[in-house]
Amino acid sequence: MDDNIWQINTKQKVIKQIM
């Protein structure tokens, strides 16, 4: 579960950077 949260957090960060 921790890994899942970390992945989601990283994905959101990348999306924010792209935007």
PDB file of N, CA and C in Angstrom:
ATOM      1  N   MET A   1       0.843  -1.194   0.000  1.00  0.00           N
ATOM      2  CA  MET A   1       0.000   0.000   0.000  1.00  0.00           C
ATOM      3  C   MET A   1       0.887   1.256   0.000  1.00  0.00           C
ATOM      4  N   ASP A   2       1.906   1.238   0.791  1.00  0.00           N
ATOM      5  CA  ASP A   2       2.809   2.407   0.813  1.00  0.00           C
ATOM      6  C   ASP A   2       3.354   2.670  -0.588  1.00  0.00           C
ATOM      7  N   ASP A   3       3.719   1.592  -1.266  1.00  0.00           N
ATOM      8  CA  ASP A   3       4.264   1.752  -2.623  1.00  0.00           C
ATOM      9  C   ASP A   3       3.230   2.408  -3.532  1.00  0.00           C
ATOM     10  N   ASN A   4       1.992   1.996  -3.382  1.00  0.00           N
ATOM     11  CA  ASN A   4       0.935   2.558  -4.229  1.00  0.00           C
ATOM     12  C   ASN A   4       0.818   4.058  -3.985  1.00  0.00           C
ATOM     13  N   ILE A   5       0.802   4.452  -2.729  1.00  0.00           N
ATOM     14  CA  ILE A   5       0.689   5.881  -2.395  1.00  0.00           C
ATOM     15  C   ILE A   5       1.877   6.639  -2.986  1.00  0.00           C
ATOM     16  N   TRP A   6       3.059   6.057  -2.867  1.00  0.00           N
ATOM     17  CA  TRP A   6       4.265   6.725  -3.386  1.00  0.00           C
ATOM     18  C   TRP A   6       4.142   6.903  -4.902  1.00  0.00           C
ATOM     19  N   GLN A   7       3.671   5.868  -5.574  1.00  0.00           N
ATOM     20  CA  GLN A   7       3.522   5.948  -7.036  1.00  0.00           C
ATOM     21  C   GLN A   7       2.526   7.040  -7.415  1.00  0.00           C
ATOM     22  N   ILE A   8       1.415   7.089  -6.727  1.00  0.00           N
ATOM     23  CA  ILE A   8       0.386   8.107  -7.034  1.00  0.00           C
ATOM     24  C   ILE A   8       0.975   9.501  -6.795  1.00  0.00           C
ATOM     25  N   ASN A   9       1.688   9.659  -5.691  1.00  0.00           N
ATOM     26  CA  ASN A   9       2.288  10.968  -5.373  1.00  0.00           C
ATOM     27  C   ASN A   9       3.257  11.377  -6.483  1.00  0.00           C
ATOM     28  N   THR A  10       4.083  10.439  -6.903  1.00  0.00           N
ATOM     29  CA  THR A  10       5.066  10.750  -7.954  1.00  0.00           C
ATOM     30  C   THR A  10       4.354  11.106  -9.250  1.00  0.00           C
ATOM     31  N   LYS A  11       3.318  10.356  -9.565  1.00  0.00           N
ATOM     32  CA  LYS A  11       2.571  10.636 -10.807  1.00  0.00           C
ATOM     33  C   LYS A  11       1.984  12.047 -10.747  1.00  0.00           C
ATOM     34  N   GLN A  12       1.392  12.403  -9.631  1.00  0.00           N
ATOM     35  CA  GLN A  12       0.794  13.737  -9.499  1.00  0.00           C
ATOM     36  C   GLN A  12       1.875  14.810  -9.666  1.00  0.00           C
ATOM     37  N   LYS A  13       3.027  14.566  -9.086  1.00  0.00           N
ATOM     38  CA  LYS A  13       4.119  15.553  -9.187  1.00  0.00           C
ATOM     39  C   LYS A  13       4.514  15.735 -10.657  1.00  0.00           C
ATOM     40  N   VAL A  14       4.640  14.650 -11.369  1.00  0.00           N
ATOM     41  CA  VAL A  14       5.036  14.726 -12.790  1.00  0.00           C
ATOM     42  C   VAL A  14       3.955  15.464 -13.578  1.00  0.00           C
ATOM     43  N   ILE A  15       2.714  15.147 -13.311  1.00  0.00           N
ATOM     44  CA  ILE A  15       1.613  15.816 -14.034  1.00  0.00           C
ATOM     45  C   ILE A  15       1.647  17.314 -13.736  1.00  0.00           C
ATOM     46  N   LYS A  16       1.901  17.670 -12.503  1.00  0.00           N
ATOM     47  CA  LYS A  16       1.951  19.099 -12.134  1.00  0.00           C
ATOM     48  C   LYS A  16       3.100  19.773 -12.880  1.00  0.00           C
ATOM     49  N   GLN A  17       4.232  19.105 -12.986  1.00  0.00           N
ATOM     50  CA  GLN A  17       5.385  19.702 -13.674  1.00  0.00           C
ATOM     51  C   GLN A  17       5.067  19.890 -15.153  1.00  0.00           C
ATOM     52  N   ILE A  18       4.411  18.901 -15.747  1.00  0.00           N
ATOM     53  CA  ILE A  18       4.069  18.995 -17.178  1.00  0.00           C
ATOM     54  C   ILE A  18       3.107  20.163 -17.392  1.00  0.00           C
ATOM     55  N   MET A  19       2.169  20.338 -16.475  1.00  0.00           N
ATOM     56  CA  MET A  19       1.192  21.428 -16.624  1.00  0.00           C
ATOM     57  C   MET A  19       1.892  22.735 -16.263  1.00  0.00           C
TER      58      MET A  19
END
